[in-house]
Every structure is written in C-alpha cells, then in structure tokens.
C-alpha cells in the first residue's frame, strides 16, 4: 500500500524564494534591454532554443536570413558593439548578442552582422576579428557542422599557412586571433540559438 509523504515544513519559504528570484530576473531583463528598440527586445525575448536539430544545408539556399545568438562552448554569447568591437557576454539579454546570419553563397558560406550595431564580423589575413560597416570578402565565413553538435565558423578568404582560421572566444570571453584557433578547440565551437518566433513561422 503506498505511503503518503508529508510536505516539507519549509515549502512556503521555498515558494516565496522562487517568487523573489522570478521578480529579480524580470527586473534585470528590463534594465539590460532599456536601450533596445522594440524589435531588438522581441528578438532577445524570443531567442532561447538551441538549434541542434538543424543539421542540413536546406536553409542555406537562396540568401536566407536568420536572427540568432551564437553561444560559445566557453559559455559566452558573441557580441558586436557600436564601435565594431567583437567580444563575449554572459548576459543572454545583451542587445549586441543578437546577430543576423545571412547566406551569401552555396556550401554554407555566411555573413554575420550585429542587429543593433549594424557591423559585419570580418577577419583579416592576420586572423584579427573586427567589425566592418561595409560588407566585403573578409566578412565571409563557412559554417561547419561538427560531430559534437556544435558549429564552427572559418574565414573563407583568410588562412594561415594553409590552415583554417576560426571565429573563437577564449575562456575569458575575448576574441582569439585566427592563427591561434583550430577546429577541435572548444573556443571555436558555437551553438546557434534559434528564436521562438521563427519556430512558429516554420523558417
């Protein structure tokens, strides 16, 4: 015969603590997004799900555009600020972490641009990551699907002694020079976080 276990005596305290955490979380979102436009705020609130299921190239045809956050395996969101600086943040509500990922040619070649800053991510021949207002060939990156369900983004034009150079964030959230990156390094691994709004529209 099943035995009923009594509820813990501190259940009201647990519930009140949970309520307080929710209030603090909502308040922090409002503060972090106070300088965002309504469109950027909607994008932040909708971006939450890992895009682990999209393991094909179907969406890369026809110059498709996706709004994503790129979350590094080193636990940082990739950002592009108003000065073209590329860094990482651990704040998922940071406006500069919302990125436009646009297909520019077949085979998974993409251009990545900050939605708020309007700077493209580019890599020069020495492997330096920087923002560019005007799109050029240095802004092209090849999206590589890795066996561990992460993605890597290698510069199409730049290489160092014939080796690929990748977008990468260090353990401290700083961009690494391409010559110090490798495909197998966790600093080069990202998960594109898909927006709920796009899931509902089926894109």
N, C-alpha and C. Protein backbone atom coordinates (compact mmCIF):
# COMPACT_ATOMS: atom_id res chain seq x y z
N UNK A 1 0.85 -1.19 0.00
CA UNK A 1 0.00 0.00 0.00
C UNK A 1 0.89 1.25 0.00
N UNK A 2 0.62 2.22 -0.90
CA UNK A 2 1.50 3.38 -0.99
C UNK A 2 1.43 4.23 0.26
N UNK A 3 2.55 4.81 0.64
CA UNK A 3 2.62 5.67 1.81
C UNK A 3 2.70 7.11 1.37
N UNK A 4 1.95 7.98 2.01
CA UNK A 4 1.98 9.41 1.68
C UNK A 4 3.06 10.09 2.49
N UNK A 5 3.90 10.85 1.81
CA UNK A 5 4.97 11.55 2.49
C UNK A 5 4.50 12.97 2.81
N UNK A 6 4.72 13.46 4.00
CA UNK A 6 4.30 14.83 4.36
C UNK A 6 5.12 15.86 3.59
N UNK A 7 4.48 16.97 3.27
CA UNK A 7 5.18 18.06 2.60
C UNK A 7 6.21 18.66 3.53
N UNK A 8 7.35 19.12 2.99
CA UNK A 8 8.36 19.72 3.86
C UNK A 8 7.81 20.97 4.55
N UNK A 9 8.25 21.18 5.79
CA UNK A 9 7.73 22.29 6.58
C UNK A 9 8.10 23.63 5.98
N UNK A 10 9.21 23.69 5.23
CA UNK A 10 9.68 24.97 4.70
C UNK A 10 9.17 25.23 3.29
N UNK A 11 8.11 24.53 2.85
CA UNK A 11 7.58 24.74 1.50
C UNK A 11 7.18 26.18 1.25
N UNK A 12 6.46 26.87 2.18
CA UNK A 12 6.13 28.28 1.93
C UNK A 12 7.36 29.14 1.71
N UNK A 13 8.44 28.87 2.47
CA UNK A 13 9.67 29.64 2.30
C UNK A 13 10.29 29.40 0.93
N UNK A 14 10.25 28.14 0.47
CA UNK A 14 10.79 27.82 -0.85
C UNK A 14 10.02 28.54 -1.94
N UNK A 15 8.68 28.53 -1.83
CA UNK A 15 7.86 29.18 -2.84
C UNK A 15 8.09 30.68 -2.86
N UNK A 16 8.21 31.30 -1.68
CA UNK A 16 8.45 32.74 -1.62
C UNK A 16 9.82 33.08 -2.20
N UNK A 17 10.81 32.21 -1.96
CA UNK A 17 12.14 32.43 -2.52
C UNK A 17 12.13 32.34 -4.03
N UNK A 18 11.38 31.38 -4.57
CA UNK A 18 11.27 31.23 -6.02
C UNK A 18 10.61 32.46 -6.63
N UNK A 19 9.56 32.95 -5.98
CA UNK A 19 8.86 34.15 -6.46
C UNK A 19 9.82 35.34 -6.50
N UNK A 20 10.65 35.49 -5.46
CA UNK A 20 11.61 36.59 -5.41
C UNK A 20 12.61 36.49 -6.54
N UNK A 21 13.10 35.27 -6.85
CA UNK A 21 14.05 35.07 -7.94
C UNK A 21 13.44 35.48 -9.27
N UNK A 22 12.17 35.14 -9.47
CA UNK A 22 11.49 35.48 -10.72
C UNK A 22 11.40 36.99 -10.87
N UNK A 23 11.05 37.70 -9.79
CA UNK A 23 10.95 39.16 -9.82
C UNK A 23 12.29 39.79 -10.17
N UNK A 24 13.37 39.29 -9.54
CA UNK A 24 14.72 39.83 -9.80
C UNK A 24 15.11 39.59 -11.25
N UNK A 25 14.83 38.40 -11.77
CA UNK A 25 15.18 38.07 -13.15
C UNK A 25 14.47 38.98 -14.13
N UNK A 26 13.16 39.20 -13.92
CA UNK A 26 12.40 40.08 -14.81
C UNK A 26 12.92 41.50 -14.74
N UNK A 27 13.30 41.94 -13.55
CA UNK A 27 13.84 43.29 -13.41
C UNK A 27 15.14 43.46 -14.13
N UNK A 28 16.03 42.43 -14.08
CA UNK A 28 17.32 42.52 -14.77
C UNK A 28 17.14 42.55 -16.27
N UNK A 29 16.14 41.82 -16.79
CA UNK A 29 15.88 41.86 -18.23
C UNK A 29 15.47 43.26 -18.66
N UNK A 30 14.61 43.90 -17.87
CA UNK A 30 14.15 45.26 -18.21
C UNK A 30 15.30 46.24 -18.22
N UNK A 31 16.19 46.15 -17.23
CA UNK A 31 17.32 47.08 -17.16
C UNK A 31 18.27 46.86 -18.32
N UNK A 32 18.60 45.59 -18.62
CA UNK A 32 19.57 45.29 -19.67
C UNK A 32 19.06 45.72 -21.04
N UNK A 33 17.75 45.72 -21.23
CA UNK A 33 17.20 45.99 -22.56
C UNK A 33 16.60 47.38 -22.67
N UNK A 34 16.93 48.26 -21.71
CA UNK A 34 16.30 49.58 -21.71
C UNK A 34 16.68 50.40 -22.93
N UNK A 35 17.83 50.11 -23.57
CA UNK A 35 18.24 50.89 -24.73
C UNK A 35 17.97 50.17 -26.04
N UNK A 36 17.17 49.12 -26.00
CA UNK A 36 16.85 48.36 -27.21
C UNK A 36 15.58 48.89 -27.85
N UNK A 37 15.51 48.75 -29.14
CA UNK A 37 14.27 49.05 -29.84
C UNK A 37 13.27 47.93 -29.58
N UNK A 38 11.97 48.15 -29.83
CA UNK A 38 11.00 47.05 -29.63
C UNK A 38 11.33 45.81 -30.44
N UNK A 39 11.86 45.99 -31.66
CA UNK A 39 12.21 44.84 -32.50
C UNK A 39 13.36 44.05 -31.88
N UNK A 40 14.38 44.76 -31.36
CA UNK A 40 15.52 44.08 -30.74
C UNK A 40 15.10 43.39 -29.45
N UNK A 41 14.24 44.04 -28.68
CA UNK A 41 13.76 43.43 -27.45
C UNK A 41 12.98 42.15 -27.74
N UNK A 42 12.15 42.18 -28.80
CA UNK A 42 11.39 40.99 -29.18
C UNK A 42 12.33 39.87 -29.59
N UNK A 43 13.40 40.22 -30.30
CA UNK A 43 14.36 39.20 -30.72
C UNK A 43 15.05 38.57 -29.52
N UNK A 44 15.41 39.40 -28.53
CA UNK A 44 16.07 38.87 -27.33
C UNK A 44 15.15 37.94 -26.56
N UNK A 45 13.89 38.36 -26.37
CA UNK A 45 12.96 37.54 -25.61
C UNK A 45 12.62 36.24 -26.32
N UNK A 46 12.75 36.22 -27.64
CA UNK A 46 12.40 35.03 -28.42
C UNK A 46 13.57 34.08 -28.60
N UNK A 47 14.81 34.56 -28.47
CA UNK A 47 15.98 33.72 -28.73
C UNK A 47 16.29 32.89 -27.49
N UNK A 48 16.04 31.59 -27.58
CA UNK A 48 16.29 30.77 -26.39
C UNK A 48 16.61 29.32 -26.70
N UNK A 49 16.25 28.83 -27.84
CA UNK A 49 16.37 27.40 -28.08
C UNK A 49 17.60 27.07 -28.91
N UNK A 50 18.34 26.05 -28.49
CA UNK A 50 19.49 25.60 -29.27
C UNK A 50 19.03 25.02 -30.59
N UNK A 51 19.76 25.33 -31.66
CA UNK A 51 19.37 24.88 -32.99
C UNK A 51 20.08 23.55 -33.31
N UNK A 52 20.02 22.60 -32.40
CA UNK A 52 20.73 21.35 -32.60
C UNK A 52 20.10 20.47 -33.66
N UNK A 53 18.81 20.69 -33.94
CA UNK A 53 18.14 19.80 -34.88
C UNK A 53 18.40 20.18 -36.33
N UNK A 54 18.90 21.38 -36.58
CA UNK A 54 19.08 21.83 -37.97
C UNK A 54 20.44 21.37 -38.48
N UNK A 55 20.52 20.13 -38.91
CA UNK A 55 21.80 19.56 -39.31
C UNK A 55 21.82 19.29 -40.82
N UNK A 56 21.28 20.22 -41.61
CA UNK A 56 21.35 20.07 -43.05
C UNK A 56 21.55 21.44 -43.67
N UNK A 57 21.77 21.48 -44.98
CA UNK A 57 22.07 22.71 -45.68
C UNK A 57 20.86 23.28 -46.42
N UNK A 58 19.66 22.76 -46.17
CA UNK A 58 18.49 23.20 -46.92
C UNK A 58 18.25 24.70 -46.79
N UNK A 59 18.45 25.25 -45.57
CA UNK A 59 18.11 26.65 -45.35
C UNK A 59 19.15 27.59 -45.93
N UNK A 60 20.26 27.07 -46.45
CA UNK A 60 21.33 27.92 -46.94
C UNK A 60 21.14 28.34 -48.38
N UNK A 61 20.13 27.83 -49.04
CA UNK A 61 19.88 28.20 -50.42
C UNK A 61 19.08 29.49 -50.48
N UNK A 62 19.37 30.34 -51.45
CA UNK A 62 18.54 31.50 -51.75
C UNK A 62 18.76 32.71 -50.87
N UNK A 63 19.94 32.85 -50.26
CA UNK A 63 20.22 34.04 -49.49
C UNK A 63 19.35 34.21 -48.26
N UNK A 64 19.08 33.13 -47.57
CA UNK A 64 18.23 33.19 -46.39
C UNK A 64 18.87 34.04 -45.29
N UNK A 65 18.03 34.65 -44.46
CA UNK A 65 18.49 35.45 -43.33
C UNK A 65 17.90 34.85 -42.06
N UNK A 66 18.72 34.67 -41.04
CA UNK A 66 18.27 34.16 -39.76
C UNK A 66 18.75 35.10 -38.66
N UNK A 67 17.92 35.26 -37.62
CA UNK A 67 18.31 36.01 -36.43
C UNK A 67 18.70 34.99 -35.36
N UNK A 68 19.94 35.11 -34.88
CA UNK A 68 20.47 34.12 -33.96
C UNK A 68 21.31 34.78 -32.86
N UNK A 69 21.53 34.05 -31.79
CA UNK A 69 22.59 34.31 -30.84
C UNK A 69 23.57 33.15 -30.96
N UNK A 70 24.86 33.45 -31.01
CA UNK A 70 25.88 32.40 -31.09
C UNK A 70 26.49 32.22 -29.71
N UNK A 71 26.19 31.05 -29.12
CA UNK A 71 26.64 30.75 -27.77
C UNK A 71 27.85 29.82 -27.82
N UNK A 72 28.96 30.32 -27.30
CA UNK A 72 30.22 29.59 -27.37
C UNK A 72 30.27 28.45 -26.37
N UNK A 73 31.03 27.45 -26.71
CA UNK A 73 31.25 26.33 -25.78
C UNK A 73 32.03 26.78 -24.55
N UNK A 74 32.68 27.95 -24.63
CA UNK A 74 33.35 28.53 -23.47
C UNK A 74 32.38 29.36 -22.62
N UNK A 75 31.07 29.27 -22.94
CA UNK A 75 30.00 29.87 -22.13
C UNK A 75 29.87 31.38 -22.30
N UNK A 76 30.07 31.87 -23.53
CA UNK A 76 29.91 33.29 -23.83
C UNK A 76 29.04 33.45 -25.07
N UNK A 77 28.22 34.52 -25.07
CA UNK A 77 27.47 34.91 -26.27
C UNK A 77 28.33 35.88 -27.07
N UNK A 78 28.43 35.65 -28.36
CA UNK A 78 29.22 36.51 -29.24
C UNK A 78 28.50 37.84 -29.42
N UNK A 79 29.23 38.97 -29.28
CA UNK A 79 28.64 40.30 -29.43
C UNK A 79 29.44 41.14 -30.41
N UNK A 80 28.74 42.10 -31.06
CA UNK A 80 29.37 43.11 -31.91
C UNK A 80 28.80 44.45 -31.48
N UNK A 81 29.65 45.32 -30.89
CA UNK A 81 29.13 46.56 -30.33
C UNK A 81 29.13 47.71 -31.34
N UNK A 82 28.75 48.90 -30.88
CA UNK A 82 28.59 50.06 -31.77
C UNK A 82 29.91 50.58 -32.33
N UNK A 83 31.02 50.09 -31.83
CA UNK A 83 32.33 50.50 -32.34
C UNK A 83 32.98 49.41 -33.19
N UNK A 84 32.24 48.33 -33.42
CA UNK A 84 32.77 47.23 -34.20
C UNK A 84 33.64 46.27 -33.41
N UNK A 85 33.65 46.42 -32.08
CA UNK A 85 34.42 45.51 -31.24
C UNK A 85 33.67 44.19 -31.08
N UNK A 86 34.41 43.10 -31.15
CA UNK A 86 33.82 41.77 -31.02
C UNK A 86 34.30 41.15 -29.71
N UNK A 87 33.34 40.76 -28.89
CA UNK A 87 33.64 40.21 -27.58
C UNK A 87 32.60 39.16 -27.21
N UNK A 88 32.67 38.72 -25.95
CA UNK A 88 31.67 37.81 -25.43
C UNK A 88 30.97 38.41 -24.24
N UNK A 89 29.74 38.01 -24.01
CA UNK A 89 28.99 38.40 -22.83
C UNK A 89 28.30 37.17 -22.27
N UNK A 90 28.12 37.14 -20.97
CA UNK A 90 27.37 36.05 -20.35
C UNK A 90 25.94 36.47 -20.05
N UNK A 91 25.57 37.65 -20.50
CA UNK A 91 24.21 38.15 -20.33
C UNK A 91 23.40 37.81 -21.57
N UNK A 92 22.45 36.88 -21.48
CA UNK A 92 21.68 36.49 -22.66
C UNK A 92 20.75 37.58 -23.18
N UNK A 93 20.54 38.65 -22.38
CA UNK A 93 19.66 39.74 -22.82
C UNK A 93 20.43 40.90 -23.44
N UNK A 94 21.74 40.75 -23.60
CA UNK A 94 22.56 41.81 -24.18
C UNK A 94 22.15 42.08 -25.63
N UNK A 95 21.78 43.34 -25.93
CA UNK A 95 21.30 43.68 -27.27
C UNK A 95 22.31 43.37 -28.36
N UNK A 96 23.59 43.48 -28.03
CA UNK A 96 24.64 43.30 -29.05
C UNK A 96 24.89 41.83 -29.39
N UNK A 97 24.22 40.92 -28.66
CA UNK A 97 24.39 39.49 -28.95
C UNK A 97 23.41 38.99 -30.01
N UNK A 98 22.47 39.84 -30.44
CA UNK A 98 21.52 39.44 -31.47
C UNK A 98 22.16 39.66 -32.83
N UNK A 99 22.29 38.59 -33.61
CA UNK A 99 23.03 38.62 -34.86
C UNK A 99 22.16 38.23 -36.04
N UNK A 100 22.42 38.87 -37.16
CA UNK A 100 21.79 38.49 -38.43
C UNK A 100 22.76 37.59 -39.18
N UNK A 101 22.34 36.38 -39.46
CA UNK A 101 23.17 35.41 -40.18
C UNK A 101 22.59 35.25 -41.58
N UNK A 102 23.33 35.69 -42.59
CA UNK A 102 22.82 35.72 -43.96
C UNK A 102 23.65 34.79 -44.86
N UNK A 103 22.95 33.96 -45.62
CA UNK A 103 23.62 33.11 -46.60
C UNK A 103 24.08 33.97 -47.77
N UNK A 104 25.35 33.84 -48.14
CA UNK A 104 25.86 34.62 -49.28
C UNK A 104 26.22 33.75 -50.48
N UNK A 105 26.41 32.46 -50.26
CA UNK A 105 26.64 31.54 -51.37
C UNK A 105 26.42 30.12 -50.90
N UNK A 106 26.37 29.18 -51.84
CA UNK A 106 26.15 27.78 -51.51
C UNK A 106 27.33 27.21 -50.72
N UNK A 107 27.08 26.09 -50.07
CA UNK A 107 28.12 25.41 -49.32
C UNK A 107 28.29 25.94 -47.91
N UNK A 108 27.29 26.68 -47.42
CA UNK A 108 27.35 27.13 -46.04
C UNK A 108 28.18 28.38 -45.82
N UNK A 109 28.32 29.25 -46.82
CA UNK A 109 29.07 30.49 -46.67
C UNK A 109 28.11 31.58 -46.19
N UNK A 110 28.46 32.19 -45.05
CA UNK A 110 27.58 33.13 -44.37
C UNK A 110 28.27 34.46 -44.11
N UNK A 111 27.45 35.49 -43.93
CA UNK A 111 27.90 36.77 -43.38
C UNK A 111 27.14 37.00 -42.09
N UNK A 112 27.83 37.47 -41.06
CA UNK A 112 27.24 37.64 -39.73
C UNK A 112 27.32 39.10 -39.34
N UNK A 113 26.17 39.70 -38.99
CA UNK A 113 26.12 41.12 -38.69
C UNK A 113 25.35 41.35 -37.40
N UNK A 114 25.83 42.28 -36.59
CA UNK A 114 25.13 42.67 -35.38
C UNK A 114 23.86 43.43 -35.72
N UNK A 115 22.72 43.01 -35.17
CA UNK A 115 21.45 43.66 -35.48
C UNK A 115 21.43 45.10 -34.95
N UNK A 116 21.92 45.33 -33.74
CA UNK A 116 21.90 46.67 -33.15
C UNK A 116 23.02 47.54 -33.72
N UNK A 117 24.24 47.02 -33.80
CA UNK A 117 25.39 47.83 -34.23
C UNK A 117 25.47 48.00 -35.75
N UNK A 118 24.91 47.03 -36.50
CA UNK A 118 24.98 47.04 -37.96
C UNK A 118 26.42 46.89 -38.47
N UNK A 119 27.28 46.26 -37.67
CA UNK A 119 28.64 45.93 -38.09
C UNK A 119 28.71 44.46 -38.47
N UNK A 120 29.37 44.17 -39.61
CA UNK A 120 29.64 42.80 -40.01
C UNK A 120 30.89 42.29 -39.27
N UNK A 121 30.88 41.01 -38.93
CA UNK A 121 32.09 40.38 -38.40
C UNK A 121 33.01 40.06 -39.57
N UNK A 122 34.27 40.47 -39.46
CA UNK A 122 35.23 40.17 -40.52
C UNK A 122 36.53 39.67 -39.88
N UNK A 123 37.34 39.01 -40.69
CA UNK A 123 38.65 38.55 -40.25
C UNK A 123 39.68 38.91 -41.32
N UNK A 124 40.74 39.62 -40.91
CA UNK A 124 41.77 39.97 -41.89
C UNK A 124 42.78 38.83 -42.04
N UNK A 125 43.76 39.05 -42.87
CA UNK A 125 44.68 37.94 -43.20
C UNK A 125 45.57 37.53 -42.03
N UNK A 126 45.68 38.39 -41.00
CA UNK A 126 46.45 38.01 -39.81
C UNK A 126 45.58 37.31 -38.77
N UNK A 127 44.28 37.16 -39.06
CA UNK A 127 43.39 36.46 -38.15
C UNK A 127 42.71 37.35 -37.13
N UNK A 128 42.81 38.69 -37.31
CA UNK A 128 42.18 39.62 -36.37
C UNK A 128 40.70 39.76 -36.68
N UNK A 129 39.85 39.55 -35.66
CA UNK A 129 38.41 39.75 -35.79
C UNK A 129 38.08 41.21 -35.54
N UNK A 130 37.27 41.80 -36.42
CA UNK A 130 36.86 43.18 -36.25
C UNK A 130 35.55 43.41 -36.98
N UNK A 131 34.85 44.49 -36.59
CA UNK A 131 33.60 44.82 -37.24
C UNK A 131 33.82 45.72 -38.44
N UNK A 132 33.01 45.52 -39.48
CA UNK A 132 33.07 46.33 -40.69
C UNK A 132 31.66 46.83 -41.03
N UNK A 133 31.54 48.13 -41.28
CA UNK A 133 30.25 48.69 -41.66
C UNK A 133 29.86 48.27 -43.07
N UNK A 134 30.86 48.15 -43.95
CA UNK A 134 30.62 47.78 -45.34
C UNK A 134 31.03 46.33 -45.56
N UNK A 135 30.12 45.55 -46.10
CA UNK A 135 30.40 44.13 -46.36
C UNK A 135 31.48 43.97 -47.42
N UNK A 136 32.42 43.05 -47.19
CA UNK A 136 33.40 42.67 -48.21
C UNK A 136 33.74 41.19 -48.05
N UNK A 137 34.70 40.70 -48.83
CA UNK A 137 35.02 39.27 -48.83
C UNK A 137 35.54 38.78 -47.48
N UNK A 138 36.13 39.69 -46.69
CA UNK A 138 36.64 39.29 -45.38
C UNK A 138 35.52 38.96 -44.40
N UNK A 139 34.29 39.29 -44.78
CA UNK A 139 33.13 39.02 -43.91
C UNK A 139 32.51 37.65 -44.16
N UNK A 140 33.06 36.89 -45.07
CA UNK A 140 32.51 35.57 -45.40
C UNK A 140 33.10 34.49 -44.51
N UNK A 141 32.21 33.70 -43.91
CA UNK A 141 32.63 32.58 -43.08
C UNK A 141 31.87 31.32 -43.49
N UNK A 142 32.56 30.22 -43.42
CA UNK A 142 31.93 28.93 -43.74
C UNK A 142 31.46 28.29 -42.44
N UNK A 143 30.18 27.94 -42.41
CA UNK A 143 29.60 27.27 -41.25
C UNK A 143 29.86 25.77 -41.36
N UNK A 144 30.51 25.23 -40.35
CA UNK A 144 30.88 23.81 -40.35
C UNK A 144 30.13 23.12 -39.22
N UNK A 145 29.38 22.06 -39.56
CA UNK A 145 28.66 21.29 -38.57
C UNK A 145 29.60 20.24 -37.99
N UNK A 146 29.81 20.29 -36.68
CA UNK A 146 30.73 19.37 -36.02
C UNK A 146 29.99 18.16 -35.48
N UNK A 147 30.74 17.11 -35.22
CA UNK A 147 30.13 15.87 -34.75
C UNK A 147 29.56 16.00 -33.33
N UNK A 148 30.02 17.00 -32.57
CA UNK A 148 29.55 17.18 -31.20
C UNK A 148 28.33 18.09 -31.12
N UNK A 149 27.70 18.36 -32.27
CA UNK A 149 26.50 19.18 -32.37
C UNK A 149 26.76 20.68 -32.24
N UNK A 150 27.99 21.08 -32.14
CA UNK A 150 28.33 22.49 -32.20
C UNK A 150 28.67 22.84 -33.65
N UNK A 151 28.74 24.15 -33.93
CA UNK A 151 29.15 24.65 -35.23
C UNK A 151 30.45 25.42 -35.09
N UNK A 152 31.22 25.47 -36.18
CA UNK A 152 32.42 26.30 -36.22
C UNK A 152 32.32 27.20 -37.45
N UNK A 153 32.96 28.37 -37.38
CA UNK A 153 32.87 29.36 -38.45
C UNK A 153 34.28 29.76 -38.88
N UNK A 154 34.69 29.27 -40.05
CA UNK A 154 36.04 29.54 -40.54
C UNK A 154 36.02 30.62 -41.61
N UNK A 155 37.06 31.45 -41.61
CA UNK A 155 37.17 32.50 -42.61
C UNK A 155 37.34 31.89 -43.99
N UNK A 156 36.56 32.36 -44.95
CA UNK A 156 36.65 31.83 -46.32
C UNK A 156 37.90 32.34 -47.02
N UNK A 157 38.22 33.62 -46.82
CA UNK A 157 39.33 34.23 -47.55
C UNK A 157 40.67 34.06 -46.85
N UNK A 158 40.67 34.17 -45.52
CA UNK A 158 41.93 34.19 -44.77
C UNK A 158 42.32 32.79 -44.32
N UNK A 159 43.60 32.53 -44.38
CA UNK A 159 44.15 31.29 -43.84
C UNK A 159 45.59 31.57 -43.43
N UNK A 160 46.11 30.77 -42.54
CA UNK A 160 47.47 30.95 -42.05
C UNK A 160 48.27 29.71 -42.40
N UNK A 161 49.19 29.85 -43.36
CA UNK A 161 50.00 28.72 -43.83
C UNK A 161 49.11 27.57 -44.29
N UNK A 162 48.01 27.92 -44.96
CA UNK A 162 47.11 26.91 -45.49
C UNK A 162 46.14 26.32 -44.48
N UNK A 163 46.17 26.80 -43.22
CA UNK A 163 45.29 26.27 -42.18
C UNK A 163 44.09 27.19 -42.00
N UNK A 164 42.95 26.57 -41.66
CA UNK A 164 41.73 27.34 -41.42
C UNK A 164 41.89 28.22 -40.18
N UNK A 165 41.21 29.39 -40.22
CA UNK A 165 41.18 30.28 -39.06
C UNK A 165 39.71 30.51 -38.70
N UNK A 166 39.41 30.42 -37.41
CA UNK A 166 38.02 30.38 -36.95
C UNK A 166 37.67 31.57 -36.05
N UNK A 167 36.37 31.91 -36.06
CA UNK A 167 35.84 32.78 -35.01
C UNK A 167 35.93 32.01 -33.71
N UNK A 168 36.48 32.64 -32.65
CA UNK A 168 36.65 31.93 -31.39
C UNK A 168 36.64 32.92 -30.23
N UNK A 169 36.09 32.47 -29.10
CA UNK A 169 36.09 33.25 -27.86
C UNK A 169 36.82 32.46 -26.78
N UNK A 170 37.74 33.12 -26.10
CA UNK A 170 38.52 32.47 -25.06
C UNK A 170 37.66 32.20 -23.83
N UNK A 171 38.27 31.55 -22.83
CA UNK A 171 37.58 31.28 -21.57
C UNK A 171 37.19 32.57 -20.86
N UNK A 172 37.84 33.68 -21.20
CA UNK A 172 37.53 34.98 -20.60
C UNK A 172 36.62 35.82 -21.49
N UNK A 173 36.13 35.23 -22.59
CA UNK A 173 35.21 35.95 -23.45
C UNK A 173 35.87 36.92 -24.41
N UNK A 174 37.16 36.76 -24.64
CA UNK A 174 37.89 37.62 -25.55
C UNK A 174 38.07 36.92 -26.89
N UNK A 175 38.03 37.67 -28.00
CA UNK A 175 38.24 37.04 -29.30
C UNK A 175 39.68 36.58 -29.48
N UNK A 176 39.85 35.42 -30.06
CA UNK A 176 41.18 34.89 -30.32
C UNK A 176 41.59 35.19 -31.76
N UNK A 177 42.86 35.44 -31.97
CA UNK A 177 43.36 35.59 -33.34
C UNK A 177 43.23 34.26 -34.07
N UNK A 178 42.88 34.35 -35.34
CA UNK A 178 42.63 33.14 -36.12
C UNK A 178 43.78 32.17 -36.14
N UNK A 179 45.02 32.70 -36.11
CA UNK A 179 46.18 31.80 -36.18
C UNK A 179 46.32 30.94 -34.93
N UNK A 180 45.62 31.30 -33.85
CA UNK A 180 45.67 30.52 -32.61
C UNK A 180 44.50 29.55 -32.48
N UNK A 181 43.66 29.48 -33.50
CA UNK A 181 42.46 28.66 -33.41
C UNK A 181 42.60 27.37 -34.21
N UNK A 182 41.86 26.37 -33.79
CA UNK A 182 41.78 25.10 -34.51
C UNK A 182 40.33 24.63 -34.47
N UNK A 183 39.98 23.78 -35.42
CA UNK A 183 38.63 23.26 -35.48
C UNK A 183 38.26 22.50 -34.21
N UNK A 184 39.22 21.79 -33.62
CA UNK A 184 38.92 20.96 -32.46
C UNK A 184 38.91 21.74 -31.15
N UNK A 185 39.33 22.99 -31.14
CA UNK A 185 39.35 23.78 -29.91
C UNK A 185 37.93 24.18 -29.49
N UNK A 186 37.63 24.08 -28.21
CA UNK A 186 36.29 24.43 -27.75
C UNK A 186 36.00 25.92 -27.93
N UNK A 187 37.04 26.75 -27.97
CA UNK A 187 36.84 28.19 -28.17
C UNK A 187 36.22 28.49 -29.53
N UNK A 188 36.37 27.55 -30.48
CA UNK A 188 35.85 27.73 -31.83
C UNK A 188 34.46 27.13 -32.02
N UNK A 189 33.89 26.56 -30.98
CA UNK A 189 32.61 25.85 -31.09
C UNK A 189 31.46 26.73 -30.60
N UNK A 190 30.41 26.82 -31.41
CA UNK A 190 29.25 27.64 -31.07
C UNK A 190 27.95 26.86 -31.32
N UNK A 191 26.93 27.23 -30.55
CA UNK A 191 25.57 26.76 -30.81
C UNK A 191 24.74 27.96 -31.26
N UNK A 192 24.15 27.92 -32.47
CA UNK A 192 23.22 28.98 -32.86
C UNK A 192 21.91 28.81 -32.10
N UNK A 193 21.51 29.84 -31.39
CA UNK A 193 20.27 29.77 -30.61
C UNK A 193 19.15 30.37 -31.43
N UNK A 194 18.16 29.56 -31.71
CA UNK A 194 17.07 29.91 -32.61
C UNK A 194 15.96 30.64 -31.87
N UNK A 195 15.26 31.52 -32.58
CA UNK A 195 14.19 32.30 -31.97
C UNK A 195 12.86 31.57 -32.05
N UNK A 196 12.06 31.68 -30.99
CA UNK A 196 10.76 31.02 -30.96
C UNK A 196 9.85 31.54 -32.06
N UNK A 197 9.95 32.82 -32.37
CA UNK A 197 9.09 33.40 -33.40
C UNK A 197 9.33 32.71 -34.73
N UNK A 198 10.59 32.38 -35.05
CA UNK A 198 10.90 31.70 -36.30
C UNK A 198 10.40 30.27 -36.27
N UNK A 199 10.39 29.63 -35.07
CA UNK A 199 9.85 28.29 -34.99
C UNK A 199 8.37 28.26 -35.32
N UNK A 200 7.65 29.29 -34.85
CA UNK A 200 6.21 29.32 -35.10
C UNK A 200 5.89 29.56 -36.57
N UNK A 201 6.75 30.32 -37.26
CA UNK A 201 6.51 30.59 -38.67
C UNK A 201 7.12 29.54 -39.58
N UNK A 202 7.87 28.59 -38.99
CA UNK A 202 8.42 27.48 -39.75
C UNK A 202 9.62 27.83 -40.61
N UNK A 203 10.39 28.89 -40.25
CA UNK A 203 11.57 29.24 -41.03
C UNK A 203 12.82 28.76 -40.33
